[in-house]
Protein backbone atom coordinates (compact mmCIF):
# COMPACT_ATOMS: atom_id res chain seq x y z
CA MET A 1 64.00 46.23 -38.60
CA LEU A 2 62.71 46.41 -42.16
CA VAL A 3 59.62 48.49 -42.90
CA ALA A 4 57.95 47.98 -46.27
CA GLN A 5 55.03 50.02 -47.58
CA SER A 6 52.77 49.38 -50.57
CA LEU A 7 54.58 47.64 -53.47
CA ALA A 8 57.69 47.25 -51.26
CA GLY A 9 55.83 44.31 -49.68
CA PHE A 10 57.06 42.38 -52.73
CA THR A 11 60.67 43.27 -51.91
CA ALA A 12 60.55 42.54 -48.17
CA PRO A 13 60.60 38.71 -48.33
CA MET A 14 63.58 38.78 -50.72
CA ILE A 15 65.91 40.91 -48.56
CA ARG A 16 69.16 39.04 -48.00
CA GLN A 17 70.47 41.09 -45.08
CA PRO A 18 69.54 39.78 -41.64
CA VAL A 19 66.73 41.68 -39.96
CA ALA A 20 65.16 41.28 -36.54
CA MET A 21 61.61 42.07 -37.71
CA ILE A 22 59.60 42.96 -40.79
CA VAL A 23 56.84 45.57 -40.56
CA LEU A 24 54.42 45.73 -43.49
CA LEU A 25 52.64 49.10 -43.67
CA ASN A 26 49.59 49.14 -45.95
CA ALA A 27 51.63 46.74 -48.03
CA MET A 28 50.88 44.39 -50.87
CA ILE A 29 51.68 41.06 -49.19
CA PRO A 30 52.61 38.39 -51.74
CA GLU A 31 52.50 34.64 -51.77
CA PRO A 32 55.69 32.97 -53.10
CA GLY A 33 55.88 33.31 -56.89
CA GLU A 34 52.97 35.77 -57.10
CA THR A 35 53.29 38.85 -59.31
CA PRO A 36 51.99 42.25 -58.22
CA GLY A 37 49.58 42.07 -61.15
CA GLU A 38 48.16 38.78 -59.86
CA TRP A 39 48.00 40.15 -56.31
CA TRP A 40 45.36 42.72 -57.33
CA ASP A 41 43.05 39.93 -58.50
CA THR A 42 43.74 37.28 -55.84
CA THR A 43 43.20 39.69 -52.94
CA GLY A 44 40.14 41.37 -54.43
CA SER A 45 41.87 44.69 -53.90
CA GLY A 46 40.11 46.52 -56.72
CA ALA A 47 36.65 45.38 -55.63
CA ALA A 48 37.43 46.27 -52.00
CA ARG A 49 38.59 49.75 -53.06
CA ARG A 50 35.45 50.32 -55.11
CA ALA A 51 33.22 49.12 -52.25
CA ALA A 52 35.02 51.41 -49.78
CA ASP A 53 34.65 54.31 -52.22
CA GLU A 54 30.94 53.64 -52.62
CA ALA A 55 30.43 53.40 -48.85
CA ALA A 56 32.19 56.77 -48.45
CA GLY A 57 30.17 58.40 -51.23
CA ARG A 58 33.09 58.56 -53.68
CA SER A 59 33.16 57.48 -57.30
CA GLY A 60 34.47 53.94 -57.73
CA GLU A 61 36.84 55.13 -60.46
CA PHE A 62 40.51 55.28 -59.53
CA ASP A 63 41.75 58.85 -59.32
CA ILE A 64 45.20 60.03 -58.21
CA GLU A 65 43.74 62.97 -56.25
CA THR A 66 41.14 60.84 -54.48
CA HIS A 67 43.29 57.81 -53.70
CA PHE A 68 46.79 59.24 -53.18
CA LEU A 69 46.77 62.99 -52.65
CA HIS A 70 43.54 63.60 -50.69
CA ASP A 71 45.25 64.16 -47.35
CA LEU A 72 48.19 66.27 -48.53
CA PRO A 73 48.27 69.91 -47.49
CA ALA A 74 47.46 72.40 -50.26
CA GLU A 75 51.09 73.57 -50.33
CA ALA A 76 52.34 70.04 -51.09
CA ARG A 77 49.68 69.57 -53.80
CA ALA A 78 50.76 72.86 -55.40
CA MET A 79 54.37 71.66 -55.50
CA LEU A 80 53.30 68.43 -57.19
CA ALA A 81 51.18 70.29 -59.72
CA ALA A 82 54.09 72.57 -60.57
CA ALA A 83 56.23 69.51 -61.38
CA GLY A 84 53.88 68.57 -64.22
CA PRO A 85 51.72 65.53 -64.82
CA PRO A 86 52.85 62.29 -63.17
CA ARG A 87 54.45 59.64 -65.35
CA GLU A 88 52.66 56.36 -65.85
CA PRO A 89 54.34 53.53 -63.91
CA ALA A 90 56.18 50.89 -65.90
CA ASP A 91 54.36 47.59 -66.41
CA THR A 92 57.51 45.52 -65.81
CA PRO A 93 57.35 45.31 -61.98
CA PHE A 94 53.74 44.14 -62.12
CA ARG A 95 54.66 41.12 -64.27
CA GLN A 96 57.66 39.88 -62.26
CA PRO A 97 57.04 37.06 -59.77
CA CYS A 98 58.15 37.51 -56.20
CA ALA A 99 61.07 35.06 -56.14
CA PHE A 100 61.03 33.57 -52.65
CA GLN A 101 60.06 30.20 -51.18
CA ARG A 102 58.81 31.37 -47.79
CA TRP A 103 58.75 34.48 -45.65
CA PRO A 104 61.86 34.96 -43.47
CA ASP A 105 61.74 33.34 -40.03
CA VAL A 106 61.46 36.62 -38.11
CA PRO A 107 58.51 38.35 -36.45
CA ILE A 108 56.29 40.01 -39.05
CA LYS A 109 53.90 42.79 -38.06
CA VAL A 110 51.21 44.08 -40.40
CA LEU A 111 49.83 47.60 -40.01
CA ILE A 112 46.77 48.53 -42.04
CA GLY A 113 45.48 52.09 -42.01
CA ALA A 114 41.76 52.16 -41.32
CA GLY A 115 41.22 54.92 -43.86
CA ASP A 116 43.60 53.82 -46.61
CA ARG A 117 41.78 54.56 -49.87
CA LEU A 118 43.92 52.43 -52.19
CA PHE A 119 44.31 49.31 -50.04
CA PRO A 120 41.26 49.01 -47.77
CA ALA A 121 41.75 46.68 -44.83
CA GLU A 122 39.40 44.12 -46.41
CA SER A 123 41.84 43.52 -49.28
CA ASN A 124 44.80 42.86 -46.98
CA GLN A 125 43.34 40.15 -44.78
CA ARG A 126 43.74 37.00 -46.85
């Protein structure tokens, strides 16, 4: 079984090892040839995130604390803070197309967290 979360959804359809099932957990789910950068626009992910933020009374601006770290215990947040500021992600992965023709012919299950702040369910239902 292969479980892919977030950006790993772009890796899952290109795995060459045989698997019995793919589970996508709050994953970016690409179409063949799509780049992660294109995915944000074609799924409406940014607009869905901002709408979910507004509905919850949060600012629509992306914030690492609000969208990634909000549910970490204080001890884990302190450890992250002690490590220094996070590095900016490289742009390269967001420009590379997902090089596959079709999803593997195995059962695929999609799990979407109801309270995910970065990828609201509305943006993962295309």
